[in-house]
């Protein structure tokens, strides 16, 4: 038991003041939790919404294994990496 207490105090020394204050805060009551709102309700412009289901499915969900360097190349371009892979494959597929 003594070692775990020492271990905990070492971790506490590494924590910021804000983290320590958060640990010491009282538990949230049911009354408080019932008044909470979702982030989408409070900041709708900042919450990213998904597109939802396709009305007419045009794509098929697949599992594909790629070389690590190929995947890193596409992901390094940021968001839309799957769309870029699809576009490059389409160029190589006759009649697509």
C-alpha atoms as a PDB file:
ATOM      1  CA  UNK A   1       0.000   0.000   0.000  1.00  0.00           C
ATOM      2  CA  UNK A   2       2.837   2.347   0.829  1.00  0.00           C
ATOM      3  CA  UNK A   3       4.283   2.130  -2.695  1.00  0.00           C
ATOM      4  CA  UNK A   4       1.008   3.034  -4.355  1.00  0.00           C
ATOM      5  CA  UNK A   5       0.656   6.127  -2.146  1.00  0.00           C
ATOM      6  CA  UNK A   6       4.188   7.209  -3.063  1.00  0.00           C
ATOM      7  CA  UNK A   7       3.464   6.511  -6.710  1.00  0.00           C
ATOM      8  CA  UNK A   8       0.316   8.625  -6.515  1.00  0.00           C
ATOM      9  CA  UNK A   9       2.150  11.524  -4.896  1.00  0.00           C
ATOM     10  CA  UNK A  10       4.806  11.425  -7.642  1.00  0.00           C
ATOM     11  CA  UNK A  11       2.061  11.613 -10.265  1.00  0.00           C
ATOM     12  CA  UNK A  12       0.401  14.477  -8.382  1.00  0.00           C
ATOM     13  CA  UNK A  13       3.654  16.457  -8.503  1.00  0.00           C
ATOM     14  CA  UNK A  14       3.673  16.085 -12.295  1.00  0.00           C
ATOM     15  CA  UNK A  15       0.097  17.352 -12.659  1.00  0.00           C
ATOM     16  CA  UNK A  16      -0.786  20.954 -13.348  1.00  0.00           C
ATOM     17  CA  UNK A  17      -2.660  23.060 -10.801  1.00  0.00           C
ATOM     18  CA  UNK A  18      -5.771  22.939 -13.016  1.00  0.00           C
ATOM     19  CA  UNK A  19      -5.669  19.132 -13.106  1.00  0.00           C
ATOM     20  CA  UNK A  20      -5.301  18.960  -9.334  1.00  0.00           C
ATOM     21  CA  UNK A  21      -8.242  21.367  -8.832  1.00  0.00           C
ATOM     22  CA  UNK A  22     -10.360  19.202 -11.150  1.00  0.00           C
ATOM     23  CA  UNK A  23      -9.565  16.133  -9.068  1.00  0.00           C
ATOM     24  CA  UNK A  24     -10.563  17.923  -5.892  1.00  0.00           C
ATOM     25  CA  UNK A  25     -13.890  19.177  -7.261  1.00  0.00           C
ATOM     26  CA  UNK A  26     -17.043  17.707  -5.730  1.00  0.00           C
ATOM     27  CA  UNK A  27     -18.979  15.034  -7.633  1.00  0.00           C
ATOM     28  CA  UNK A  28     -21.704  16.269  -9.976  1.00  0.00           C
ATOM     29  CA  UNK A  29     -25.227  15.947  -8.607  1.00  0.00           C
ATOM     30  CA  UNK A  30     -28.191  14.548 -10.520  1.00  0.00           C
ATOM     31  CA  UNK A  31     -29.774  18.014 -10.425  1.00  0.00           C
ATOM     32  CA  UNK A  32     -26.688  19.562 -12.013  1.00  0.00           C
ATOM     33  CA  UNK A  33     -26.417  16.820 -14.642  1.00  0.00           C
ATOM     34  CA  UNK A  34     -30.093  17.205 -15.586  1.00  0.00           C
ATOM     35  CA  UNK A  35     -29.458  20.867 -16.456  1.00  0.00           C
ATOM     36  CA  UNK A  36     -26.483  20.104 -18.718  1.00  0.00           C
ATOM     37  CA  UNK A  37     -26.802  20.749 -22.434  1.00  0.00           C
ATOM     38  CA  UNK A  38     -24.973  19.124 -25.314  1.00  0.00           C
ATOM     39  CA  UNK A  39     -22.209  21.017 -27.092  1.00  0.00           C
ATOM     40  CA  UNK A  40     -24.384  21.078 -30.207  1.00  0.00           C
ATOM     41  CA  UNK A  41     -27.115  22.936 -28.290  1.00  0.00           C
ATOM     42  CA  UNK A  42     -24.709  25.514 -26.874  1.00  0.00           C
ATOM     43  CA  UNK A  43     -22.286  26.003 -29.788  1.00  0.00           C
ATOM     44  CA  UNK A  44     -24.010  24.659 -32.917  1.00  0.00           C
ATOM     45  CA  UNK A  45     -21.615  26.437 -35.296  1.00  0.00           C
ATOM     46  CA  UNK A  46     -18.577  24.775 -33.734  1.00  0.00           C
ATOM     47  CA  UNK A  47     -19.924  21.229 -33.592  1.00  0.00           C
ATOM     48  CA  UNK A  48     -19.212  19.258 -36.738  1.00  0.00           C
ATOM     49  CA  UNK A  49     -22.228  17.462 -38.093  1.00  0.00           C
ATOM     50  CA  UNK A  50     -21.998  14.294 -40.117  1.00  0.00           C
ATOM     51  CA  UNK A  51     -23.600  14.001 -43.519  1.00  0.00           C
ATOM     52  CA  UNK A  52     -25.894  11.158 -42.555  1.00  0.00           C
ATOM     53  CA  UNK A  53     -26.883   8.147 -44.635  1.00  0.00           C
ATOM     54  CA  UNK A  54     -26.652   8.277 -48.401  1.00  0.00           C
ATOM     55  CA  UNK A  55     -30.075   8.585 -50.019  1.00  0.00           C
ATOM     56  CA  UNK A  56     -28.915   6.474 -52.943  1.00  0.00           C
ATOM     57  CA  UNK A  57     -25.858   4.445 -51.929  1.00  0.00           C
ATOM     58  CA  UNK A  58     -23.144   5.008 -54.491  1.00  0.00           C
ATOM     59  CA  UNK A  59     -20.217   3.633 -52.542  1.00  0.00           C
ATOM     60  CA  UNK A  60     -19.450   0.294 -50.948  1.00  0.00           C
ATOM     61  CA  UNK A  61     -17.821  -0.136 -47.552  1.00  0.00           C
ATOM     62  CA  UNK A  62     -14.630  -2.201 -47.907  1.00  0.00           C
ATOM     63  CA  UNK A  63     -11.610  -3.185 -45.852  1.00  0.00           C
ATOM     64  CA  UNK A  64      -8.353  -2.612 -47.669  1.00  0.00           C
ATOM     65  CA  UNK A  65      -4.778  -3.242 -46.567  1.00  0.00           C
ATOM     66  CA  UNK A  66      -2.280  -0.654 -47.774  1.00  0.00           C
ATOM     67  CA  UNK A  67       1.447  -0.260 -47.308  1.00  0.00           C
ATOM     68  CA  UNK A  68       2.205   2.053 -44.405  1.00  0.00           C
ATOM     69  CA  UNK A  69       4.068   4.563 -46.574  1.00  0.00           C
ATOM     70  CA  UNK A  70       1.170   4.760 -49.056  1.00  0.00           C
ATOM     71  CA  UNK A  71      -1.309   5.447 -46.263  1.00  0.00           C
ATOM     72  CA  UNK A  72       0.988   8.051 -44.680  1.00  0.00           C
ATOM     73  CA  UNK A  73       1.317   9.788 -48.054  1.00  0.00           C
ATOM     74  CA  UNK A  74      -2.446  10.171 -48.433  1.00  0.00           C
ATOM     75  CA  UNK A  75      -3.069  11.065 -44.789  1.00  0.00           C
ATOM     76  CA  UNK A  76      -0.345  13.723 -44.893  1.00  0.00           C
ATOM     77  CA  UNK A  77      -2.615  15.665 -47.251  1.00  0.00           C
ATOM     78  CA  UNK A  78      -5.140  16.115 -44.447  1.00  0.00           C
ATOM     79  CA  UNK A  79      -8.878  15.553 -44.498  1.00  0.00           C
ATOM     80  CA  UNK A  80     -10.287  13.818 -47.551  1.00  0.00           C
ATOM     81  CA  UNK A  81      -7.512  11.254 -47.868  1.00  0.00           C
ATOM     82  CA  UNK A  82      -9.984   8.445 -48.582  1.00  0.00           C
ATOM     83  CA  UNK A  83     -11.604  10.503 -51.331  1.00  0.00           C
ATOM     84  CA  UNK A  84      -8.164  11.090 -52.895  1.00  0.00           C
ATOM     85  CA  UNK A  85      -7.405   7.364 -52.845  1.00  0.00           C
ATOM     86  CA  UNK A  86     -10.773   6.726 -54.511  1.00  0.00           C
ATOM     87  CA  UNK A  87     -10.061   9.357 -57.189  1.00  0.00           C
ATOM     88  CA  UNK A  88      -6.619   7.874 -57.940  1.00  0.00           C
ATOM     89  CA  UNK A  89      -8.053   4.345 -58.169  1.00  0.00           C
ATOM     90  CA  UNK A  90     -10.806   5.607 -60.458  1.00  0.00           C
ATOM     91  CA  UNK A  91      -8.184   6.985 -62.876  1.00  0.00           C
ATOM     92  CA  UNK A  92      -6.622   3.520 -63.076  1.00  0.00           C
ATOM     93  CA  UNK A  93      -9.869   1.560 -63.455  1.00  0.00           C
ATOM     94  CA  UNK A  94     -11.031   1.277 -67.075  1.00  0.00           C
ATOM     95  CA  UNK A  95     -14.669   2.260 -67.536  1.00  0.00           C
ATOM     96  CA  UNK A  96     -15.116   3.653 -64.018  1.00  0.00           C
END
